[in-house]
Amino acid sequence: MAFGWWITAQPPFSAAATVGILVSGAALIVVARLWRRRTASLPSDDRADERLGVWVAILAAVLVWELISYLGHPREAHPTISSITDSIQAEHVFRWLFFGGWLAIGWSLAA
């Protein structure tokens, strides 16, 4: 999260922010793979497929909403998630918390 504090201080869409997001995402994937190897010897969870189905349904619903919002006009009548959270993410602390949430969601999907 210390690295996340630096990333979220970068200007949006800058090269430093993009590289930082890519590096942290790649690190999360590597750590999750190592975590999976370490926990592979433990008894498996029978509900893993059920949880995956829930995540797929949530992701599909968000993607459909984003697509409908993106194609709908005017933007005020059809806001995307990013346009809804823009005012919240104007503050560095909240951008950092959103980044932490992004990592937590990524971890739950990858591990």
N, C-alpha and C. Protein backbone atom coordinates (compact mmCIF):
# COMPACT_ATOMS: atom_id res chain seq x y z
N MET A 1 0.82 -1.19 0.00
CA MET A 1 0.00 0.00 0.00
C MET A 1 0.87 1.26 0.00
N ALA A 2 2.11 1.15 0.49
CA ALA A 2 3.01 2.31 0.43
C ALA A 2 3.29 2.65 -1.04
N PHE A 3 3.49 1.65 -1.85
CA PHE A 3 3.68 1.86 -3.29
C PHE A 3 2.43 2.47 -3.89
N GLY A 4 1.27 2.04 -3.41
CA GLY A 4 -0.01 2.59 -3.87
C GLY A 4 -0.15 4.07 -3.55
N TRP A 5 0.39 4.49 -2.41
CA TRP A 5 0.35 5.92 -2.06
C TRP A 5 1.10 6.73 -3.11
N TRP A 6 2.25 6.21 -3.56
CA TRP A 6 3.02 6.91 -4.59
C TRP A 6 2.27 6.90 -5.92
N ILE A 7 1.71 5.73 -6.30
CA ILE A 7 0.99 5.63 -7.58
C ILE A 7 -0.16 6.61 -7.63
N THR A 8 -0.94 6.67 -6.57
CA THR A 8 -2.13 7.53 -6.58
C THR A 8 -1.78 9.01 -6.49
N ALA A 9 -0.52 9.33 -6.24
CA ALA A 9 -0.09 10.73 -6.25
C ALA A 9 0.31 11.19 -7.65
N GLN A 10 0.43 10.25 -8.57
CA GLN A 10 0.83 10.58 -9.94
C GLN A 10 -0.34 11.19 -10.71
N PRO A 11 -0.06 12.02 -11.70
CA PRO A 11 -1.15 12.57 -12.53
C PRO A 11 -1.88 11.44 -13.25
N PRO A 12 -3.21 11.54 -13.36
CA PRO A 12 -3.97 10.49 -14.04
C PRO A 12 -3.48 10.29 -15.48
N PHE A 13 -3.43 9.04 -15.89
CA PHE A 13 -3.05 8.64 -17.24
C PHE A 13 -1.61 8.99 -17.60
N SER A 14 -0.78 9.33 -16.61
CA SER A 14 0.63 9.60 -16.90
C SER A 14 1.37 8.28 -17.06
N ALA A 15 2.54 8.34 -17.64
CA ALA A 15 3.35 7.13 -17.84
C ALA A 15 3.70 6.50 -16.50
N ALA A 16 4.06 7.32 -15.51
CA ALA A 16 4.43 6.79 -14.19
C ALA A 16 3.24 6.06 -13.55
N ALA A 17 2.05 6.63 -13.63
CA ALA A 17 0.87 5.99 -13.04
C ALA A 17 0.55 4.69 -13.77
N THR A 18 0.62 4.70 -15.09
CA THR A 18 0.33 3.50 -15.86
C THR A 18 1.31 2.38 -15.54
N VAL A 19 2.60 2.71 -15.52
CA VAL A 19 3.62 1.71 -15.20
C VAL A 19 3.42 1.20 -13.77
N GLY A 20 3.12 2.10 -12.85
CA GLY A 20 2.89 1.70 -11.46
C GLY A 20 1.73 0.74 -11.32
N ILE A 21 0.63 0.99 -12.02
CA ILE A 21 -0.52 0.09 -11.99
C ILE A 21 -0.15 -1.26 -12.58
N LEU A 22 0.56 -1.25 -13.70
CA LEU A 22 0.96 -2.51 -14.33
C LEU A 22 1.90 -3.32 -13.43
N VAL A 23 2.85 -2.63 -12.79
CA VAL A 23 3.79 -3.30 -11.89
C VAL A 23 3.04 -3.90 -10.70
N SER A 24 2.15 -3.13 -10.09
CA SER A 24 1.44 -3.65 -8.93
C SER A 24 0.50 -4.79 -9.32
N GLY A 25 -0.14 -4.71 -10.48
CA GLY A 25 -0.98 -5.81 -10.95
C GLY A 25 -0.17 -7.06 -11.22
N ALA A 26 0.98 -6.91 -11.85
CA ALA A 26 1.85 -8.07 -12.13
C ALA A 26 2.37 -8.67 -10.82
N ALA A 27 2.73 -7.82 -9.87
CA ALA A 27 3.20 -8.33 -8.57
C ALA A 27 2.09 -9.10 -7.87
N LEU A 28 0.88 -8.60 -7.94
CA LEU A 28 -0.25 -9.30 -7.33
C LEU A 28 -0.44 -10.68 -7.96
N ILE A 29 -0.31 -10.77 -9.27
CA ILE A 29 -0.47 -12.06 -9.96
C ILE A 29 0.64 -13.03 -9.53
N VAL A 30 1.87 -12.55 -9.46
CA VAL A 30 2.99 -13.41 -9.06
C VAL A 30 2.80 -13.91 -7.63
N VAL A 31 2.46 -13.01 -6.73
CA VAL A 31 2.26 -13.40 -5.33
C VAL A 31 1.09 -14.37 -5.20
N ALA A 32 0.01 -14.14 -5.97
CA ALA A 32 -1.14 -15.04 -5.92
C ALA A 32 -0.77 -16.43 -6.43
N ARG A 33 0.04 -16.50 -7.48
CA ARG A 33 0.48 -17.81 -7.99
C ARG A 33 1.31 -18.55 -6.94
N LEU A 34 2.21 -17.84 -6.28
CA LEU A 34 3.01 -18.46 -5.21
C LEU A 34 2.11 -18.90 -4.07
N TRP A 35 1.14 -18.09 -3.74
CA TRP A 35 0.19 -18.42 -2.67
C TRP A 35 -0.60 -19.68 -3.03
N ARG A 36 -1.03 -19.78 -4.28
CA ARG A 36 -1.77 -20.97 -4.73
C ARG A 36 -0.92 -22.22 -4.62
N ARG A 37 0.35 -22.12 -5.03
CA ARG A 37 1.25 -23.29 -4.93
C ARG A 37 1.40 -23.73 -3.49
N ARG A 38 1.54 -22.74 -2.61
CA ARG A 38 1.73 -23.04 -1.19
C ARG A 38 0.49 -23.68 -0.58
N THR A 39 -0.68 -23.24 -0.99
CA THR A 39 -1.92 -23.76 -0.42
C THR A 39 -2.50 -24.92 -1.21
N ALA A 40 -1.83 -25.34 -2.28
CA ALA A 40 -2.34 -26.44 -3.11
C ALA A 40 -2.41 -27.75 -2.34
N SER A 41 -1.55 -27.92 -1.35
CA SER A 41 -1.54 -29.16 -0.58
C SER A 41 -2.66 -29.20 0.46
N LEU A 42 -3.28 -28.07 0.72
CA LEU A 42 -4.38 -28.03 1.68
C LEU A 42 -5.65 -28.59 1.04
N PRO A 43 -6.60 -29.04 1.84
CA PRO A 43 -7.86 -29.55 1.28
C PRO A 43 -8.54 -28.47 0.44
N SER A 44 -9.11 -28.88 -0.69
CA SER A 44 -9.72 -27.89 -1.59
C SER A 44 -11.07 -27.44 -1.07
N ASP A 45 -11.46 -26.29 -1.49
CA ASP A 45 -12.74 -25.70 -1.12
C ASP A 45 -13.78 -26.10 -2.16
N ASP A 46 -14.83 -26.77 -1.74
CA ASP A 46 -15.85 -27.23 -2.66
C ASP A 46 -16.69 -26.09 -3.22
N ARG A 47 -16.64 -24.93 -2.61
CA ARG A 47 -17.46 -23.81 -3.05
C ARG A 47 -16.73 -22.87 -3.99
N ALA A 48 -15.55 -23.24 -4.44
CA ALA A 48 -14.76 -22.36 -5.30
C ALA A 48 -15.49 -22.06 -6.61
N ASP A 49 -16.12 -23.06 -7.22
CA ASP A 49 -16.84 -22.84 -8.47
C ASP A 49 -18.04 -21.92 -8.25
N GLU A 50 -18.67 -22.05 -7.10
CA GLU A 50 -19.81 -21.20 -6.78
C GLU A 50 -19.37 -19.74 -6.65
N ARG A 51 -18.25 -19.53 -5.96
CA ARG A 51 -17.72 -18.16 -5.81
C ARG A 51 -17.31 -17.58 -7.14
N LEU A 52 -16.70 -18.41 -8.00
CA LEU A 52 -16.31 -17.94 -9.32
C LEU A 52 -17.54 -17.50 -10.11
N GLY A 53 -18.61 -18.26 -10.01
CA GLY A 53 -19.85 -17.90 -10.70
C GLY A 53 -20.39 -16.56 -10.23
N VAL A 54 -20.30 -16.30 -8.93
CA VAL A 54 -20.76 -15.02 -8.38
C VAL A 54 -19.91 -13.89 -8.94
N TRP A 55 -18.59 -14.06 -8.96
CA TRP A 55 -17.71 -13.02 -9.49
C TRP A 55 -17.98 -12.77 -10.98
N VAL A 56 -18.21 -13.82 -11.74
CA VAL A 56 -18.50 -13.66 -13.17
C VAL A 56 -19.80 -12.89 -13.34
N ALA A 57 -20.82 -13.20 -12.54
CA ALA A 57 -22.10 -12.49 -12.63
C ALA A 57 -21.95 -11.01 -12.28
N ILE A 58 -21.19 -10.72 -11.23
CA ILE A 58 -20.95 -9.33 -10.84
C ILE A 58 -20.20 -8.59 -11.93
N LEU A 59 -19.15 -9.20 -12.45
CA LEU A 59 -18.37 -8.57 -13.51
C LEU A 59 -19.22 -8.33 -14.76
N ALA A 60 -20.03 -9.30 -15.13
CA ALA A 60 -20.89 -9.15 -16.30
C ALA A 60 -21.89 -8.00 -16.10
N ALA A 61 -22.48 -7.92 -14.91
CA ALA A 61 -23.44 -6.85 -14.62
C ALA A 61 -22.76 -5.47 -14.70
N VAL A 62 -21.56 -5.37 -14.14
CA VAL A 62 -20.83 -4.09 -14.18
C VAL A 62 -20.47 -3.73 -15.62
N LEU A 63 -20.01 -4.70 -16.40
CA LEU A 63 -19.64 -4.43 -17.79
C LEU A 63 -20.85 -4.00 -18.62
N VAL A 64 -21.99 -4.65 -18.41
CA VAL A 64 -23.21 -4.26 -19.13
C VAL A 64 -23.61 -2.84 -18.74
N TRP A 65 -23.57 -2.54 -17.44
CA TRP A 65 -23.92 -1.19 -16.98
C TRP A 65 -22.99 -0.15 -17.60
N GLU A 66 -21.69 -0.43 -17.57
CA GLU A 66 -20.72 0.51 -18.14
C GLU A 66 -20.96 0.72 -19.64
N LEU A 67 -21.24 -0.34 -20.36
CA LEU A 67 -21.47 -0.23 -21.80
C LEU A 67 -22.72 0.58 -22.08
N ILE A 68 -23.80 0.30 -21.38
CA ILE A 68 -25.04 1.06 -21.57
C ILE A 68 -24.81 2.52 -21.21
N SER A 69 -24.12 2.77 -20.11
CA SER A 69 -23.84 4.15 -19.69
C SER A 69 -22.95 4.87 -20.67
N TYR A 70 -21.95 4.17 -21.18
CA TYR A 70 -21.01 4.78 -22.12
C TYR A 70 -21.70 5.16 -23.42
N LEU A 71 -22.58 4.30 -23.90
CA LEU A 71 -23.26 4.56 -25.17
C LEU A 71 -24.44 5.50 -25.01
N GLY A 72 -24.98 5.63 -23.79
CA GLY A 72 -26.11 6.51 -23.56
C GLY A 72 -25.68 7.96 -23.52
N HIS A 73 -26.57 8.82 -24.01
CA HIS A 73 -26.29 10.26 -23.99
C HIS A 73 -27.47 10.96 -23.36
N PRO A 74 -27.34 12.00 -22.66
CA PRO A 74 -26.11 12.68 -22.23
C PRO A 74 -25.46 11.97 -21.05
N ARG A 75 -24.20 12.28 -20.80
CA ARG A 75 -23.42 11.63 -19.75
C ARG A 75 -24.07 11.83 -18.38
N GLU A 76 -24.68 13.00 -18.13
CA GLU A 76 -25.30 13.26 -16.82
C GLU A 76 -26.46 12.29 -16.56
N ALA A 77 -27.14 11.88 -17.61
CA ALA A 77 -28.27 10.97 -17.45
C ALA A 77 -27.82 9.51 -17.38
N HIS A 78 -26.64 9.22 -17.91
CA HIS A 78 -26.12 7.85 -17.95
C HIS A 78 -24.67 7.83 -17.47
N PRO A 79 -24.44 8.03 -16.15
CA PRO A 79 -23.06 8.11 -15.67
C PRO A 79 -22.39 6.73 -15.62
N THR A 80 -21.10 6.72 -15.92
CA THR A 80 -20.29 5.51 -15.75
C THR A 80 -19.77 5.48 -14.31
N ILE A 81 -19.19 4.37 -13.91
CA ILE A 81 -18.66 4.25 -12.55
C ILE A 81 -17.57 5.30 -12.33
N SER A 82 -16.72 5.49 -13.33
CA SER A 82 -15.64 6.46 -13.15
C SER A 82 -16.18 7.89 -13.04
N SER A 83 -17.24 8.22 -13.79
CA SER A 83 -17.77 9.58 -13.68
C SER A 83 -18.49 9.78 -12.35
N ILE A 84 -19.03 8.70 -11.78
CA ILE A 84 -19.67 8.79 -10.46
C ILE A 84 -18.62 9.01 -9.37
N THR A 85 -17.49 8.34 -9.49
CA THR A 85 -16.46 8.40 -8.45
C THR A 85 -15.44 9.51 -8.67
N ASP A 86 -15.52 10.25 -9.76
CA ASP A 86 -14.54 11.32 -10.02
C ASP A 86 -14.46 12.32 -8.89
N SER A 87 -15.61 12.76 -8.37
CA SER A 87 -15.57 13.77 -7.30
C SER A 87 -14.97 13.19 -6.02
N ILE A 88 -15.21 11.91 -5.76
CA ILE A 88 -14.63 11.28 -4.57
C ILE A 88 -13.13 11.12 -4.74
N GLN A 89 -12.70 10.72 -5.94
CA GLN A 89 -11.29 10.47 -6.18
C GLN A 89 -10.48 11.74 -6.39
N ALA A 90 -11.08 12.89 -6.24
CA ALA A 90 -10.33 14.13 -6.34
C ALA A 90 -9.34 14.26 -5.18
N GLU A 91 -9.64 13.60 -4.06
CA GLU A 91 -8.75 13.62 -2.91
C GLU A 91 -7.80 12.43 -2.96
N HIS A 92 -6.53 12.68 -2.69
CA HIS A 92 -5.50 11.65 -2.77
C HIS A 92 -5.80 10.46 -1.86
N VAL A 93 -6.26 10.70 -0.65
CA VAL A 93 -6.54 9.62 0.30
C VAL A 93 -7.59 8.66 -0.27
N PHE A 94 -8.62 9.22 -0.90
CA PHE A 94 -9.69 8.37 -1.44
C PHE A 94 -9.22 7.59 -2.67
N ARG A 95 -8.38 8.21 -3.50
CA ARG A 95 -7.78 7.48 -4.63
C ARG A 95 -6.97 6.30 -4.12
N TRP A 96 -6.22 6.54 -3.03
CA TRP A 96 -5.41 5.49 -2.42
C TRP A 96 -6.29 4.36 -1.89
N LEU A 97 -7.42 4.71 -1.25
CA LEU A 97 -8.34 3.69 -0.75
C LEU A 97 -8.97 2.90 -1.90
N PHE A 98 -9.32 3.58 -2.99
CA PHE A 98 -9.84 2.89 -4.17
C PHE A 98 -8.78 1.93 -4.72
N PHE A 99 -7.53 2.34 -4.74
CA PHE A 99 -6.44 1.48 -5.19
C PHE A 99 -6.34 0.24 -4.30
N GLY A 100 -6.44 0.43 -2.99
CA GLY A 100 -6.42 -0.71 -2.07
C GLY A 100 -7.59 -1.66 -2.33
N GLY A 101 -8.75 -1.10 -2.62
CA GLY A 101 -9.90 -1.93 -2.96
C GLY A 101 -9.68 -2.70 -4.25
N TRP A 102 -9.05 -2.04 -5.22
CA TRP A 102 -8.73 -2.69 -6.50
C TRP A 102 -7.80 -3.88 -6.26
N LEU A 103 -6.79 -3.68 -5.40
CA LEU A 103 -5.88 -4.77 -5.06
C LEU A 103 -6.59 -5.90 -4.32
N ALA A 104 -7.50 -5.54 -3.41
CA ALA A 104 -8.22 -6.56 -2.65
C ALA A 104 -9.11 -7.39 -3.57
N ILE A 105 -9.79 -6.74 -4.49
CA ILE A 105 -10.63 -7.47 -5.45
C ILE A 105 -9.75 -8.36 -6.33
N GLY A 106 -8.64 -7.81 -6.79
CA GLY A 106 -7.71 -8.60 -7.60
C GLY A 106 -7.19 -9.81 -6.85
N TRP A 107 -6.88 -9.63 -5.57
CA TRP A 107 -6.38 -10.75 -4.76
C TRP A 107 -7.46 -11.82 -4.62
N SER A 108 -8.70 -11.40 -4.38
CA SER A 108 -9.77 -12.39 -4.19
C SER A 108 -10.03 -13.16 -5.48
N LEU A 109 -9.79 -12.54 -6.62
CA LEU A 109 -9.96 -13.23 -7.89
C LEU A 109 -8.76 -14.13 -8.21
N ALA A 110 -7.56 -13.68 -7.85
CA ALA A 110 -6.35 -14.40 -8.25
C ALA A 110 -5.95 -15.51 -7.29
N ALA A 111 -6.22 -15.33 -6.02
CA ALA A 111 -5.75 -16.31 -5.02
C ALA A 111 -6.73 -17.44 -4.81
